[in-house]
Amino acid sequence: MQFLHKQPALTMSDALIVTRNESLLAWFKEKGIAAPVLDYANPADVAHKHVYGLIPYWMAAYADIVSEVTMPGLDRHDRDRFNRGLLTVQEMDAAGAELATYRVRKV
């Protein structure tokens, strides 16, 4: 039995990037993810959108879906460089950078 219903494809006009991290912005651009960028967002900004970046769970519940970049191979030194926006796209890819997408709902 299948419980998941196929969702209509989101267009980039339905997308929003929420970050001020230069490394992350460069990675999104390299991967062809183009959408309006906000340093900070509020629930009205993210409502019914595909949000790329890190937002708190309570706000993510307003979005349709949220995608974050995970890097399982990132060591502590490079995590600090990433947090300061100093990691290159190539270094991010070498650390296993990939999108993880979630649907968050308040229960």
N, C-alpha and C. Protein backbone atom coordinates (compact mmCIF):
# COMPACT_ATOMS: atom_id res chain seq x y z
N MET A 1 0.84 -1.17 0.00
CA MET A 1 0.00 0.00 0.00
C MET A 1 0.89 1.24 0.00
N GLN A 2 0.60 2.17 -0.85
CA GLN A 2 1.38 3.40 -0.99
C GLN A 2 0.64 4.54 -0.31
N PHE A 3 1.29 5.19 0.67
CA PHE A 3 0.69 6.30 1.38
C PHE A 3 1.17 7.65 0.88
N LEU A 4 2.30 7.65 0.19
CA LEU A 4 2.85 8.92 -0.28
C LEU A 4 2.15 9.33 -1.57
N HIS A 5 1.76 10.55 -1.64
CA HIS A 5 1.13 11.07 -2.86
C HIS A 5 2.16 11.90 -3.60
N LYS A 6 2.19 11.75 -4.89
CA LYS A 6 3.13 12.50 -5.70
C LYS A 6 2.77 13.98 -5.63
N GLN A 7 3.77 14.79 -5.27
CA GLN A 7 3.58 16.23 -5.19
C GLN A 7 3.87 16.86 -6.55
N PRO A 8 3.19 17.93 -6.91
CA PRO A 8 3.53 18.62 -8.16
C PRO A 8 4.96 19.16 -8.08
N ALA A 9 5.64 19.16 -9.20
CA ALA A 9 7.02 19.66 -9.24
C ALA A 9 7.04 21.14 -8.89
N LEU A 10 7.99 21.51 -8.06
CA LEU A 10 8.16 22.91 -7.70
C LEU A 10 9.03 23.59 -8.75
N THR A 11 8.71 24.81 -9.07
CA THR A 11 9.55 25.58 -9.98
C THR A 11 10.51 26.43 -9.16
N MET A 12 11.53 26.97 -9.79
CA MET A 12 12.46 27.80 -9.06
C MET A 12 11.79 29.07 -8.54
N SER A 13 10.66 29.48 -9.12
CA SER A 13 9.94 30.62 -8.58
C SER A 13 9.32 30.26 -7.23
N ASP A 14 9.21 28.97 -6.95
CA ASP A 14 8.70 28.50 -5.67
C ASP A 14 9.84 28.26 -4.68
N ALA A 15 11.06 28.62 -5.06
CA ALA A 15 12.24 28.34 -4.24
C ALA A 15 12.76 29.62 -3.59
N LEU A 16 13.51 29.43 -2.52
CA LEU A 16 14.12 30.52 -1.79
C LEU A 16 15.39 29.99 -1.13
N ILE A 17 16.47 30.74 -1.20
CA ILE A 17 17.70 30.40 -0.50
C ILE A 17 17.80 31.31 0.72
N VAL A 18 18.00 30.69 1.89
CA VAL A 18 18.15 31.46 3.13
C VAL A 18 19.53 31.16 3.70
N THR A 19 20.47 32.06 3.44
CA THR A 19 21.82 31.94 3.98
C THR A 19 22.58 33.23 3.70
N ARG A 20 23.62 33.44 4.45
CA ARG A 20 24.57 34.50 4.14
C ARG A 20 25.97 33.90 4.02
N ASN A 21 26.04 32.56 3.99
CA ASN A 21 27.30 31.84 3.89
C ASN A 21 27.78 31.83 2.44
N GLU A 22 28.89 32.48 2.17
CA GLU A 22 29.41 32.60 0.80
C GLU A 22 29.77 31.25 0.19
N SER A 23 30.28 30.33 1.00
CA SER A 23 30.60 28.99 0.50
C SER A 23 29.35 28.28 0.00
N LEU A 24 28.29 28.37 0.79
CA LEU A 24 27.04 27.73 0.42
C LEU A 24 26.43 28.38 -0.82
N LEU A 25 26.48 29.69 -0.91
CA LEU A 25 25.96 30.37 -2.10
C LEU A 25 26.73 29.95 -3.35
N ALA A 26 28.05 29.82 -3.26
CA ALA A 26 28.85 29.38 -4.40
C ALA A 26 28.50 27.95 -4.79
N TRP A 27 28.28 27.09 -3.80
CA TRP A 27 27.94 25.68 -4.07
C TRP A 27 26.58 25.60 -4.78
N PHE A 28 25.60 26.35 -4.28
CA PHE A 28 24.28 26.36 -4.93
C PHE A 28 24.40 26.82 -6.38
N LYS A 29 25.15 27.88 -6.61
CA LYS A 29 25.32 28.40 -7.97
C LYS A 29 25.98 27.35 -8.86
N GLU A 30 27.02 26.70 -8.37
CA GLU A 30 27.72 25.66 -9.14
C GLU A 30 26.79 24.51 -9.50
N LYS A 31 25.85 24.20 -8.64
CA LYS A 31 24.93 23.08 -8.85
C LYS A 31 23.67 23.50 -9.61
N GLY A 32 23.60 24.77 -10.02
CA GLY A 32 22.46 25.22 -10.82
C GLY A 32 21.22 25.57 -10.01
N ILE A 33 21.39 25.78 -8.72
CA ILE A 33 20.26 26.17 -7.87
C ILE A 33 20.23 27.69 -7.80
N ALA A 34 19.26 28.26 -8.48
CA ALA A 34 19.15 29.72 -8.55
C ALA A 34 17.78 30.12 -8.02
N ALA A 35 17.79 30.95 -7.01
CA ALA A 35 16.54 31.43 -6.41
C ALA A 35 16.87 32.72 -5.67
N PRO A 36 15.85 33.48 -5.31
CA PRO A 36 16.10 34.67 -4.49
C PRO A 36 16.81 34.27 -3.20
N VAL A 37 17.68 35.17 -2.71
CA VAL A 37 18.48 34.90 -1.52
C VAL A 37 18.11 35.90 -0.43
N LEU A 38 17.87 35.37 0.77
CA LEU A 38 17.64 36.19 1.95
C LEU A 38 18.66 35.81 3.01
N ASP A 39 19.18 36.82 3.74
CA ASP A 39 20.05 36.55 4.89
C ASP A 39 19.25 35.91 6.02
N TYR A 40 18.08 36.44 6.25
CA TYR A 40 17.17 35.97 7.29
C TYR A 40 15.78 35.88 6.69
N ALA A 41 14.96 35.01 7.24
CA ALA A 41 13.61 34.84 6.72
C ALA A 41 12.61 34.84 7.87
N ASN A 42 11.36 35.05 7.50
CA ASN A 42 10.26 34.91 8.46
C ASN A 42 9.26 33.93 7.85
N PRO A 43 8.27 33.52 8.62
CA PRO A 43 7.32 32.52 8.09
C PRO A 43 6.66 32.92 6.77
N ALA A 44 6.33 34.18 6.59
CA ALA A 44 5.71 34.61 5.34
C ALA A 44 6.66 34.44 4.15
N ASP A 45 7.96 34.62 4.39
CA ASP A 45 8.95 34.45 3.31
C ASP A 45 9.02 33.00 2.83
N VAL A 46 8.94 32.05 3.75
CA VAL A 46 9.17 30.64 3.41
C VAL A 46 7.89 29.86 3.11
N ALA A 47 6.73 30.45 3.39
CA ALA A 47 5.46 29.73 3.23
C ALA A 47 5.29 29.18 1.82
N HIS A 48 5.02 27.89 1.75
CA HIS A 48 4.73 27.18 0.50
C HIS A 48 5.90 27.21 -0.49
N LYS A 49 7.13 27.27 0.00
CA LYS A 49 8.32 27.33 -0.85
C LYS A 49 9.21 26.13 -0.62
N HIS A 50 10.11 25.91 -1.57
CA HIS A 50 11.23 24.98 -1.38
C HIS A 50 12.37 25.86 -0.88
N VAL A 51 12.71 25.71 0.39
CA VAL A 51 13.73 26.53 1.01
C VAL A 51 15.05 25.78 1.03
N TYR A 52 16.10 26.44 0.54
CA TYR A 52 17.46 25.91 0.59
C TYR A 52 18.20 26.68 1.68
N GLY A 53 18.82 25.95 2.60
CA GLY A 53 19.56 26.58 3.68
C GLY A 53 19.09 26.06 5.02
N LEU A 54 19.58 26.68 6.07
CA LEU A 54 19.21 26.26 7.43
C LEU A 54 18.24 27.25 8.04
N ILE A 55 17.09 26.73 8.41
CA ILE A 55 16.12 27.53 9.14
C ILE A 55 15.64 26.68 10.31
N PRO A 56 15.15 27.30 11.39
CA PRO A 56 14.69 26.51 12.53
C PRO A 56 13.48 25.65 12.17
N TYR A 57 13.32 24.54 12.90
CA TYR A 57 12.21 23.63 12.63
C TYR A 57 10.86 24.33 12.63
N TRP A 58 10.63 25.22 13.61
CA TRP A 58 9.32 25.86 13.70
C TRP A 58 9.02 26.65 12.44
N MET A 59 10.04 27.23 11.81
CA MET A 59 9.83 27.97 10.57
C MET A 59 9.75 27.03 9.38
N ALA A 60 10.53 25.95 9.41
CA ALA A 60 10.51 24.97 8.31
C ALA A 60 9.13 24.37 8.13
N ALA A 61 8.34 24.33 9.19
CA ALA A 61 6.99 23.79 9.10
C ALA A 61 6.09 24.61 8.17
N TYR A 62 6.44 25.87 7.91
CA TYR A 62 5.67 26.71 6.99
C TYR A 62 6.04 26.44 5.53
N ALA A 63 7.24 25.93 5.30
CA ALA A 63 7.71 25.66 3.94
C ALA A 63 7.13 24.35 3.43
N ASP A 64 7.08 24.20 2.10
CA ASP A 64 6.67 22.90 1.55
C ASP A 64 7.76 21.86 1.84
N ILE A 65 8.99 22.20 1.47
CA ILE A 65 10.14 21.33 1.74
C ILE A 65 11.36 22.21 2.02
N VAL A 66 12.32 21.64 2.72
CA VAL A 66 13.54 22.34 3.08
C VAL A 66 14.72 21.45 2.70
N SER A 67 15.70 22.03 2.00
CA SER A 67 16.91 21.29 1.62
C SER A 67 18.12 21.93 2.27
N GLU A 68 18.95 21.10 2.89
CA GLU A 68 20.19 21.57 3.46
C GLU A 68 21.34 20.80 2.83
N VAL A 69 22.52 21.40 2.85
CA VAL A 69 23.71 20.73 2.34
C VAL A 69 24.36 19.99 3.49
N THR A 70 24.55 18.69 3.33
CA THR A 70 25.25 17.88 4.32
C THR A 70 26.63 17.56 3.79
N MET A 71 27.59 17.49 4.68
CA MET A 71 28.98 17.17 4.32
C MET A 71 29.55 16.22 5.36
N PRO A 72 29.28 14.92 5.21
CA PRO A 72 29.70 13.95 6.22
C PRO A 72 31.22 13.83 6.38
N GLY A 73 31.98 14.21 5.37
CA GLY A 73 33.43 14.09 5.44
C GLY A 73 34.14 15.35 5.92
N LEU A 74 33.41 16.30 6.45
CA LEU A 74 34.01 17.57 6.86
C LEU A 74 34.61 17.44 8.26
N ASP A 75 35.90 17.75 8.39
CA ASP A 75 36.53 17.68 9.71
C ASP A 75 36.30 19.00 10.46
N ARG A 76 36.71 19.02 11.71
CA ARG A 76 36.44 20.18 12.57
C ARG A 76 37.07 21.47 12.03
N HIS A 77 38.30 21.38 11.55
CA HIS A 77 38.98 22.57 11.00
C HIS A 77 38.22 23.12 9.80
N ASP A 78 37.83 22.24 8.88
CA ASP A 78 37.12 22.70 7.70
C ASP A 78 35.69 23.13 8.03
N ARG A 79 35.08 22.57 9.07
CA ARG A 79 33.74 23.02 9.50
C ARG A 79 33.82 24.50 9.91
N ASP A 80 34.88 24.85 10.63
CA ASP A 80 35.07 26.25 11.02
C ASP A 80 35.26 27.13 9.79
N ARG A 81 36.06 26.67 8.83
CA ARG A 81 36.26 27.44 7.59
C ARG A 81 34.94 27.58 6.84
N PHE A 82 34.14 26.50 6.80
CA PHE A 82 32.85 26.56 6.14
C PHE A 82 31.94 27.58 6.83
N ASN A 83 31.89 27.53 8.15
CA ASN A 83 31.03 28.46 8.89
C ASN A 83 31.40 29.91 8.66
N ARG A 84 32.66 30.16 8.32
CA ARG A 84 33.10 31.53 8.01
C ARG A 84 32.99 31.83 6.52
N GLY A 85 32.46 30.88 5.72
CA GLY A 85 32.27 31.10 4.29
C GLY A 85 33.55 31.02 3.49
N LEU A 86 34.54 30.27 3.98
CA LEU A 86 35.86 30.22 3.34
C LEU A 86 36.16 28.91 2.62
N LEU A 87 35.24 27.98 2.60
CA LEU A 87 35.45 26.70 1.93
C LEU A 87 35.10 26.84 0.45
N THR A 88 35.90 26.24 -0.42
CA THR A 88 35.62 26.29 -1.86
C THR A 88 34.59 25.22 -2.22
N VAL A 89 33.99 25.37 -3.37
CA VAL A 89 33.05 24.37 -3.87
C VAL A 89 33.75 23.02 -3.99
N GLN A 90 34.98 23.02 -4.47
CA GLN A 90 35.72 21.77 -4.62
C GLN A 90 35.97 21.11 -3.27
N GLU A 91 36.29 21.90 -2.25
CA GLU A 91 36.49 21.34 -0.91
C GLU A 91 35.18 20.80 -0.35
N MET A 92 34.09 21.48 -0.62
CA MET A 92 32.79 20.99 -0.17
C MET A 92 32.46 19.67 -0.84
N ASP A 93 32.69 19.59 -2.16
CA ASP A 93 32.43 18.34 -2.88
C ASP A 93 33.32 17.21 -2.37
N ALA A 94 34.59 17.52 -2.06
CA ALA A 94 35.50 16.51 -1.54
C ALA A 94 35.04 16.01 -0.16
N ALA A 95 34.31 16.84 0.57
CA ALA A 95 33.78 16.45 1.88
C ALA A 95 32.44 15.72 1.75
N GLY A 96 32.02 15.45 0.51
CA GLY A 96 30.78 14.70 0.28
C GLY A 96 29.53 15.55 0.27
N ALA A 97 29.66 16.83 -0.07
CA ALA A 97 28.50 17.73 -0.05
C ALA A 97 27.38 17.19 -0.93
N GLU A 98 26.18 17.16 -0.35
CA GLU A 98 24.99 16.76 -1.09
C GLU A 98 23.78 17.37 -0.41
N LEU A 99 22.70 17.48 -1.18
CA LEU A 99 21.46 18.02 -0.62
C LEU A 99 20.69 16.92 0.10
N ALA A 100 20.19 17.25 1.26
CA ALA A 100 19.24 16.40 1.98
C ALA A 100 17.96 17.21 2.11
N THR A 101 16.84 16.64 1.69
CA THR A 101 15.58 17.38 1.64
C THR A 101 14.59 16.78 2.62
N TYR A 102 13.89 17.66 3.32
CA TYR A 102 12.96 17.27 4.38
C TYR A 102 11.63 17.96 4.22
N ARG A 103 10.60 17.29 4.72
CA ARG A 103 9.28 17.90 4.85
C ARG A 103 9.02 17.96 6.36
N VAL A 104 8.85 19.16 6.89
CA VAL A 104 8.71 19.34 8.33
C VAL A 104 7.27 19.77 8.62
N ARG A 105 6.64 19.12 9.57
CA ARG A 105 5.28 19.47 9.97
C ARG A 105 5.18 19.53 11.48
N LYS A 106 4.49 20.51 12.00
CA LYS A 106 4.23 20.61 13.42
C LYS A 106 3.15 19.58 13.78
N VAL A 107 3.37 18.89 14.87
CA VAL A 107 2.38 17.88 15.29
C VAL A 107 1.80 18.22 16.65
